Amino acid sequence: MDDKVRKHIFISGRVQGVGFRAFTRQNAQQLGVNGWVKNLHDGRVEAVLEGKKSAVKKLEKKLNSGPSFANVDDITVENENYQGGFSTFSIKY
C-alpha cells in the first residue's frame, strides 16, 4: 500500500465553466485514479484523488494546466492518508 496516495487539491483561476470537472474525470479514469471533483462557490475547483502514486502525480500535473479554455492561477495540494474509499471517479454537484 506504500505506492497508494491521497491528495486533496484546490485549483483557482478561470476553472469553472470551461469543462474543468469533465477534463479531470476523463483524465482520472484514463489513469485509474479514483475520487471526485466539484466546483466551489468561491470560483475554485476542489478535487480528492486516490490511486497509485505515479498515476496521481500525472493527473496532478495535468490539473496544473487544465483543459484548453482554462487558466490555472494556483493549485494547492494537501497530502492525506490513503483511505481507499472510492471505486470510481465522479463529479460532485
C-alpha atoms as a PDB file:
ATOM      1  CA  MET A   1       0.000   0.000   0.000  1.00  0.00           C
ATOM      2  CA  ASP A   2       3.065   2.260   0.055  1.00  0.00           C
ATOM      3  CA  ASP A   3       2.510   3.067  -3.607  1.00  0.00           C
ATOM      4  CA  LYS A   4      -1.027   4.418  -2.956  1.00  0.00           C
ATOM      5  CA  VAL A   5      -1.613   8.079  -2.171  1.00  0.00           C
ATOM      6  CA  ARG A   6      -4.457  10.510  -1.495  1.00  0.00           C
ATOM      7  CA  LYS A   7      -4.328  14.198  -2.406  1.00  0.00           C
ATOM      8  CA  HIS A   8      -6.813  16.973  -1.656  1.00  0.00           C
ATOM      9  CA  ILE A   9      -6.443  19.674  -4.296  1.00  0.00           C
ATOM     10  CA  PHE A  10      -7.800  23.195  -4.720  1.00  0.00           C
ATOM     11  CA  ILE A  11      -7.435  24.878  -8.118  1.00  0.00           C
ATOM     12  CA  SER A  12      -8.028  28.585  -8.684  1.00  0.00           C
ATOM     13  CA  GLY A  13      -8.156  30.772 -11.771  1.00  0.00           C
ATOM     14  CA  ARG A  14     -10.559  30.533 -14.696  1.00  0.00           C
ATOM     15  CA  VAL A  15     -11.519  26.958 -13.854  1.00  0.00           C
ATOM     16  CA  GLN A  16     -15.322  26.996 -13.850  1.00  0.00           C
ATOM     17  CA  GLY A  17     -17.452  26.965 -16.983  1.00  0.00           C
ATOM     18  CA  VAL A  18     -14.543  25.668 -19.089  1.00  0.00           C
ATOM     19  CA  GLY A  19     -15.019  21.887 -18.756  1.00  0.00           C
ATOM     20  CA  PHE A  20     -12.532  21.512 -15.908  1.00  0.00           C
ATOM     21  CA  ARG A  21     -14.535  18.894 -13.998  1.00  0.00           C
ATOM     22  CA  ALA A  22     -15.137  16.763 -17.108  1.00  0.00           C
ATOM     23  CA  PHE A  23     -11.443  17.120 -18.029  1.00  0.00           C
ATOM     24  CA  THR A  24     -10.460  15.962 -14.539  1.00  0.00           C
ATOM     25  CA  ARG A  25     -12.819  12.972 -14.577  1.00  0.00           C
ATOM     26  CA  GLN A  26     -11.751  11.882 -18.074  1.00  0.00           C
ATOM     27  CA  ASN A  27      -8.053  12.008 -17.200  1.00  0.00           C
ATOM     28  CA  ALA A  28      -8.605  10.336 -13.827  1.00  0.00           C
ATOM     29  CA  GLN A  29     -10.471   7.461 -15.486  1.00  0.00           C
ATOM     30  CA  GLN A  30      -7.726   7.048 -18.101  1.00  0.00           C
ATOM     31  CA  LEU A  31      -5.073   6.937 -15.373  1.00  0.00           C
ATOM     32  CA  GLY A  32      -7.025   4.683 -12.989  1.00  0.00           C
ATOM     33  CA  VAL A  33      -7.345   7.374 -10.302  1.00  0.00           C
ATOM     34  CA  ASN A  34     -10.441   7.370  -8.071  1.00  0.00           C
ATOM     35  CA  GLY A  35     -12.090  10.194  -6.120  1.00  0.00           C
ATOM     36  CA  TRP A  36     -14.190  13.220  -7.012  1.00  0.00           C
ATOM     37  CA  VAL A  37     -14.141  16.801  -8.296  1.00  0.00           C
ATOM     38  CA  LYS A  38     -16.541  19.705  -7.729  1.00  0.00           C
ATOM     39  CA  ASN A  39     -16.952  23.451  -8.189  1.00  0.00           C
ATOM     40  CA  LEU A  40     -16.799  25.636  -5.089  1.00  0.00           C
ATOM     41  CA  HIS A  41     -18.916  28.746  -4.522  1.00  0.00           C
ATOM     42  CA  ASP A  42     -15.780  30.922  -4.418  1.00  0.00           C
ATOM     43  CA  GLY A  43     -14.873  30.049  -8.031  1.00  0.00           C
ATOM     44  CA  ARG A  44     -12.274  27.375  -7.271  1.00  0.00           C
ATOM     45  CA  VAL A  45     -12.401  23.686  -8.151  1.00  0.00           C
ATOM     46  CA  GLU A  46     -11.822  21.102  -5.409  1.00  0.00           C
ATOM     47  CA  ALA A  47     -10.733  17.513  -6.005  1.00  0.00           C
ATOM     48  CA  VAL A  48      -9.795  14.458  -3.983  1.00  0.00           C
ATOM     49  CA  LEU A  49      -7.575  11.965  -5.804  1.00  0.00           C
ATOM     50  CA  GLU A  50      -6.662   8.451  -4.720  1.00  0.00           C
ATOM     51  CA  GLY A  51      -4.598   5.870  -6.520  1.00  0.00           C
ATOM     52  CA  LYS A  52      -1.118   4.769  -7.441  1.00  0.00           C
ATOM     53  CA  LYS A  53       1.445   7.427  -6.665  1.00  0.00           C
ATOM     54  CA  SER A  54       2.657   7.662 -10.288  1.00  0.00           C
ATOM     55  CA  ALA A  55      -0.897   7.992 -11.688  1.00  0.00           C
ATOM     56  CA  VAL A  56      -1.922  10.651  -9.154  1.00  0.00           C
ATOM     57  CA  LYS A  57       1.267  12.574  -9.925  1.00  0.00           C
ATOM     58  CA  LYS A  58       0.469  12.503 -13.665  1.00  0.00           C
ATOM     59  CA  LEU A  59      -3.087  13.726 -13.025  1.00  0.00           C
ATOM     60  CA  GLU A  60      -1.848  16.459 -10.696  1.00  0.00           C
ATOM     61  CA  LYS A  61       0.474  17.655 -13.483  1.00  0.00           C
ATOM     62  CA  LYS A  62      -2.444  17.744 -15.960  1.00  0.00           C
ATOM     63  CA  LEU A  63      -4.523  19.779 -13.473  1.00  0.00           C
ATOM     64  CA  ASN A  64      -1.785  22.412 -13.373  1.00  0.00           C
ATOM     65  CA  SER A  65      -2.741  23.395 -16.914  1.00  0.00           C
ATOM     66  CA  GLY A  66      -6.312  22.084 -17.195  1.00  0.00           C
ATOM     67  CA  PRO A  67      -8.381  21.978 -20.398  1.00  0.00           C
ATOM     68  CA  SER A  68      -7.662  24.379 -23.264  1.00  0.00           C
ATOM     69  CA  PHE A  69     -10.080  27.136 -22.146  1.00  0.00           C
ATOM     70  CA  ALA A  70      -8.955  27.087 -18.504  1.00  0.00           C
ATOM     71  CA  ASN A  71      -6.401  29.406 -16.960  1.00  0.00           C
ATOM     72  CA  VAL A  72      -4.977  27.953 -13.748  1.00  0.00           C
ATOM     73  CA  ASP A  73      -3.565  30.641 -11.457  1.00  0.00           C
ATOM     74  CA  ASP A  74      -2.794  28.495  -8.419  1.00  0.00           C
ATOM     75  CA  ILE A  75      -3.023  24.916  -7.241  1.00  0.00           C
ATOM     76  CA  THR A  76      -2.839  23.888  -3.596  1.00  0.00           C
ATOM     77  CA  VAL A  77      -2.119  20.247  -2.836  1.00  0.00           C
ATOM     78  CA  GLU A  78      -2.638  18.687   0.583  1.00  0.00           C
ATOM     79  CA  ASN A  79      -1.284  15.176   1.143  1.00  0.00           C
ATOM     80  CA  GLU A  80      -3.647  12.988   3.139  1.00  0.00           C
ATOM     81  CA  ASN A  81      -3.583   9.400   4.350  1.00  0.00           C
ATOM     82  CA  TYR A  82      -4.729   6.936   1.707  1.00  0.00           C
ATOM     83  CA  GLN A  83      -8.174   5.581   2.598  1.00  0.00           C
ATOM     84  CA  GLY A  84      -9.213   3.526  -0.442  1.00  0.00           C
ATOM     85  CA  GLY A  85     -12.799   4.690  -0.077  1.00  0.00           C
ATOM     86  CA  PHE A  86     -13.531   5.259  -3.781  1.00  0.00           C
ATOM     87  CA  SER A  87     -14.240   2.737  -6.523  1.00  0.00           C
ATOM     88  CA  THR A  88     -14.691   5.312  -9.321  1.00  0.00           C
ATOM     89  CA  PHE A  89     -14.075   8.968 -10.129  1.00  0.00           C
ATOM     90  CA  SER A  90     -17.136  11.214 -10.025  1.00  0.00           C
ATOM     91  CA  ILE A  91     -18.227  14.799 -10.475  1.00  0.00           C
ATOM     92  CA  LYS A  92     -19.993  16.176  -7.401  1.00  0.00           C
ATOM     93  CA  TYR A  93     -22.673  18.828  -7.737  1.00  0.00           C
END
